[in-house]
Amino acid sequence: MKVIAVIFAVVMTFQFVDKKGSSKQLEKKSITVVVPNVPSNKGKVSFALYNKETFRLKPLQGKSSSIKNHQSTVVFENITPGEYAIICYHDANENGRMDFEPTGMPMEDYGVSNNPASFGPPQYDTAKFVVADKDVTLEIKF
């Protein structure tokens, strides 16, 4: 009888630990993004959060932030653990879109998560990062 009680207690303990561990991974997280080097305090900085399937098409979440002392910060909330990428740009004229030269070159400063050095449009594989069991803080430089 004692053996059965011990086995029952061990099984219940493992079930509790497993459920607790699983629910912790499923908890929604937040991503805080800071751009520390905005060229001017004019306008706003717009941010877009993507996953691999939506990258550069339609953001999962979009946010804008004012600029104070050449810095802008946003927080994406209720993020399911997974893999993501962020693109942001300085909307200096506040027209709600990124402006381009006739040659296709951007007229406004922009940045991508992980700050990859590249020529051409941002690529998901160099911009991706993981949200796991903790909130994430990123710094994106223009």
Protein backbone atom coordinates (compact mmCIF):
# COMPACT_ATOMS: atom_id res chain seq x y z
CA MET A 1 0.00 0.00 0.00
CA LYS A 2 2.84 2.36 0.83
CA VAL A 3 4.46 1.59 -2.51
CA ILE A 4 1.27 2.51 -4.35
CA ALA A 5 1.02 5.77 -2.40
CA VAL A 6 4.64 6.67 -3.24
CA ILE A 7 4.15 5.84 -6.92
CA PHE A 8 0.97 7.93 -6.98
CA ALA A 9 2.77 10.87 -5.34
CA VAL A 10 5.66 10.70 -7.83
CA VAL A 11 3.31 10.52 -10.83
CA MET A 12 1.29 13.49 -9.56
CA THR A 13 4.47 15.49 -8.97
CA PHE A 14 5.68 14.89 -12.53
CA GLN A 15 2.28 15.78 -13.95
CA PHE A 16 2.29 19.05 -12.01
CA VAL A 17 5.84 19.93 -13.06
CA ASP A 18 5.10 19.10 -16.72
CA LYS A 19 1.93 21.22 -16.78
CA LYS A 20 3.66 24.08 -15.03
CA GLY A 21 6.57 24.00 -17.50
CA SER A 22 4.24 23.80 -20.51
CA SER A 23 2.07 26.69 -19.39
CA LYS A 24 5.11 28.86 -18.76
CA GLN A 25 6.19 28.41 -22.38
CA LEU A 26 2.69 29.25 -23.62
CA GLU A 27 2.47 32.46 -21.62
CA LYS A 28 2.37 35.56 -23.77
CA LYS A 29 5.55 37.65 -23.76
CA SER A 30 6.50 41.19 -24.72
CA ILE A 31 9.12 42.61 -27.06
CA THR A 32 10.55 46.02 -26.20
CA VAL A 33 12.30 47.75 -29.10
CA VAL A 34 14.52 50.82 -28.71
CA VAL A 35 15.97 52.92 -31.54
CA PRO A 36 18.69 55.00 -29.83
CA ASN A 37 19.94 57.00 -32.81
CA VAL A 38 17.02 58.65 -34.63
CA PRO A 39 18.55 61.46 -36.76
CA SER A 40 16.05 64.10 -35.63
CA ASN A 41 13.18 64.58 -33.21
CA LYS A 42 10.78 65.35 -36.09
CA GLY A 43 8.05 62.89 -37.00
CA LYS A 44 7.74 59.44 -35.51
CA VAL A 45 9.24 55.97 -35.79
CA SER A 46 7.00 53.21 -37.12
CA PHE A 47 7.63 49.56 -36.23
CA ALA A 48 6.33 46.34 -37.79
CA LEU A 49 6.52 42.86 -36.24
CA TYR A 50 6.62 39.88 -38.62
CA ASN A 51 7.00 36.13 -38.63
CA LYS A 52 8.53 34.21 -41.54
CA GLU A 53 5.25 33.86 -43.44
CA THR A 54 4.30 37.55 -43.19
CA PHE A 55 7.77 39.14 -43.52
CA ARG A 56 7.60 42.38 -45.55
CA LEU A 57 4.00 41.62 -46.52
CA LYS A 58 1.58 42.30 -43.67
CA PRO A 59 2.78 42.83 -40.10
CA LEU A 60 1.43 40.79 -37.22
CA GLN A 61 1.48 44.02 -35.22
CA GLY A 62 2.36 47.58 -36.14
CA LYS A 63 3.14 50.43 -33.78
CA SER A 64 4.43 53.99 -33.93
CA SER A 65 6.25 56.01 -31.32
CA SER A 66 7.19 59.62 -30.81
CA ILE A 67 10.84 60.62 -30.67
CA LYS A 68 12.44 62.18 -27.59
CA ASN A 69 16.12 63.04 -27.43
CA HIS A 70 16.71 61.15 -30.69
CA GLN A 71 15.31 57.93 -29.19
CA SER A 72 12.11 55.97 -29.82
CA THR A 73 10.70 52.99 -27.92
CA VAL A 74 7.73 50.64 -28.42
CA VAL A 75 6.50 47.50 -26.70
CA PHE A 76 4.79 44.68 -28.60
CA GLU A 77 2.59 42.79 -26.14
CA ASN A 78 0.83 39.42 -26.04
CA ILE A 79 3.48 37.72 -28.16
CA THR A 80 3.32 33.94 -28.45
CA PRO A 81 6.75 32.31 -28.12
CA GLY A 82 8.25 31.79 -31.57
CA GLU A 83 10.51 33.31 -34.19
CA TYR A 84 10.03 36.94 -35.32
CA ALA A 85 11.66 39.89 -37.11
CA ILE A 86 11.11 43.65 -36.83
CA ILE A 87 11.52 46.42 -39.37
CA CYS A 88 11.24 50.08 -38.37
CA TYR A 89 11.68 53.42 -40.12
CA HIS A 90 11.80 57.12 -39.33
CA ASP A 91 8.62 58.66 -40.72
CA ALA A 92 10.08 62.17 -40.55
CA ASN A 93 7.28 63.79 -42.60
CA GLU A 94 4.55 61.71 -40.88
CA ASN A 95 2.90 60.66 -44.14
CA GLY A 96 2.39 57.11 -42.83
CA ARG A 97 4.68 55.38 -45.32
CA MET A 98 8.35 54.99 -46.11
CA ASP A 99 9.45 57.30 -48.89
CA PHE A 100 11.76 56.19 -51.73
CA GLU A 101 13.86 57.87 -54.40
CA PRO A 102 12.83 57.19 -58.02
CA THR A 103 15.77 54.73 -58.11
CA GLY A 104 14.19 52.72 -55.30
CA MET A 105 16.59 53.87 -52.58
CA PRO A 106 14.95 54.75 -49.25
CA MET A 107 14.75 58.46 -48.43
CA GLU A 108 14.08 57.81 -44.74
CA ASP A 109 16.28 55.99 -42.24
CA TYR A 110 15.29 52.44 -41.36
CA GLY A 111 16.52 49.52 -39.29
CA VAL A 112 15.99 45.80 -38.87
CA SER A 113 16.22 43.51 -35.85
CA ASN A 114 19.77 42.16 -35.33
CA ASN A 115 21.15 45.23 -37.18
CA PRO A 116 22.46 43.26 -40.19
CA ALA A 117 24.76 45.11 -42.57
CA SER A 118 23.25 44.59 -46.00
CA PHE A 119 22.63 46.31 -49.27
CA GLY A 120 19.14 45.73 -50.54
CA PRO A 121 15.87 44.92 -48.83
CA PRO A 122 15.86 43.32 -45.37
CA GLN A 123 16.03 39.53 -45.28
CA TYR A 124 14.17 37.43 -42.72
CA ASP A 125 17.06 35.05 -42.04
CA THR A 126 19.38 37.86 -40.91
CA ALA A 127 16.67 39.69 -38.96
CA LYS A 128 15.01 36.82 -37.09
CA PHE A 129 15.13 36.38 -33.33
CA VAL A 130 13.44 34.05 -30.86
CA VAL A 131 10.89 34.79 -28.17
CA ALA A 132 10.99 31.90 -25.70
CA ASP A 133 10.32 31.89 -21.96
CA LYS A 134 11.31 35.52 -21.22
CA ASP A 135 10.38 38.98 -22.44
CA VAL A 136 12.75 40.30 -25.12
CA THR A 137 14.46 43.69 -25.41
CA LEU A 138 16.07 44.72 -28.71
CA GLU A 139 18.04 47.73 -29.88
CA ILE A 140 17.72 48.60 -33.56
CA LYS A 141 20.05 51.19 -35.03
CA PHE A 142 19.39 53.26 -38.12
